[in-house]
C-alpha atoms as a PDB file:
ATOM      1  CA  MET A   1      87.668  78.571  92.494  1.00  0.00           C
ATOM      2  CA  ALA A   2      86.981  81.349  94.995  1.00  0.00           C
ATOM      3  CA  ASP A   3      90.669  81.399  95.944  1.00  0.00           C
ATOM      4  CA  LYS A   4      91.673  81.991  92.328  1.00  0.00           C
ATOM      5  CA  ILE A   5      89.241  84.897  92.058  1.00  0.00           C
ATOM      6  CA  LYS A   6      90.500  86.463  95.292  1.00  0.00           C
ATOM      7  CA  SER A   7      94.103  86.001  94.218  1.00  0.00           C
ATOM      8  CA  SER A   8      93.449  87.582  90.811  1.00  0.00           C
ATOM      9  CA  TYR A   9      91.633  90.496  92.429  1.00  0.00           C
ATOM     10  CA  LYS A  10      94.483  91.131  94.884  1.00  0.00           C
ATOM     11  CA  PHE A  11      97.079  90.982  92.083  1.00  0.00           C
ATOM     12  CA  SER A  12      95.202  93.413  89.835  1.00  0.00           C
ATOM     13  CA  LYS A  13      94.489  95.782  92.739  1.00  0.00           C
ATOM     14  CA  SER A  14      98.120  95.716  93.774  1.00  0.00           C
ATOM     15  CA  PHE A  15      99.262  96.272  90.165  1.00  0.00           C
ATOM     16  CA  TYR A  16      97.080  99.333  89.685  1.00  0.00           C
ATOM     17  CA  ASP A  17      97.892 100.747  93.127  1.00  0.00           C
ATOM     18  CA  HIS A  18     101.596 100.602  92.259  1.00  0.00           C
ATOM     19  CA  ALA A  19     101.011 101.957  88.769  1.00  0.00           C
ATOM     20  CA  ILE A  20      99.017 104.958  89.991  1.00  0.00           C
ATOM     21  CA  THR A  21     101.370 105.862  92.844  1.00  0.00           C
ATOM     22  CA  GLN A  22     104.488 105.116  90.773  1.00  0.00           C
ATOM     23  CA  GLY A  23     106.096 103.435  93.755  1.00  0.00           C
ATOM     24  CA  LYS A  24     107.989 100.798  91.783  1.00  0.00           C
ATOM     25  CA  TRP A  25     110.490 101.091  88.898  1.00  0.00           C
ATOM     26  CA  TRP A  26     108.194  99.207  86.544  1.00  0.00           C
ATOM     27  CA  SER A  27     105.276 101.510  87.376  1.00  0.00           C
ATOM     28  CA  LYS A  28     107.321 104.563  86.403  1.00  0.00           C
ATOM     29  CA  LEU A  29     108.234 102.863  83.141  1.00  0.00           C
ATOM     30  CA  TYR A  30     104.603 101.818  82.567  1.00  0.00           C
ATOM     31  CA  PHE A  31     103.373 105.367  83.202  1.00  0.00           C
ATOM     32  CA  LYS A  32     106.005 106.922  80.978  1.00  0.00           C
ATOM     33  CA  LEU A  33     105.487 104.526  78.077  1.00  0.00           C
ATOM     34  CA  LEU A  34     101.705 104.407  78.221  1.00  0.00           C
ATOM     35  CA  TRP A  35     100.851 107.967  79.221  1.00  0.00           C
ATOM     36  CA  GLY A  36     103.947 109.888  78.199  1.00  0.00           C
ATOM     37  CA  GLY A  37     105.091 110.797  81.695  1.00  0.00           C
ATOM     38  CA  VAL A  38     103.529 112.531  84.654  1.00  0.00           C
ATOM     39  CA  MET A  39     100.357 114.525  84.255  1.00  0.00           C
ATOM     40  CA  THR A  40     101.062 118.228  84.574  1.00  0.00           C
ATOM     41  CA  MET A  41      97.475 119.447  84.142  1.00  0.00           C
ATOM     42  CA  ARG A  42      96.133 121.133  87.230  1.00  0.00           C
ATOM     43  CA  LEU A  43      92.517 121.065  88.329  1.00  0.00           C
ATOM     44  CA  PRO A  44      90.766 124.388  88.801  1.00  0.00           C
ATOM     45  CA  ALA A  45      90.205 125.491  92.386  1.00  0.00           C
ATOM     46  CA  GLY A  46      87.033 124.181  93.969  1.00  0.00           C
ATOM     47  CA  CYS A  47      86.927 120.793  92.214  1.00  0.00           C
END
């Protein structure tokens, strides 16, 4: 059972790492479909 939990955790971590960094083709598609593209909002200085 512990192996299944570790495997699931690694898969979900890997999925979100790729989605956030947009390193894979599917992550670019995911980001574009779900969020409407790349965020263009800039944070104010000092944050």
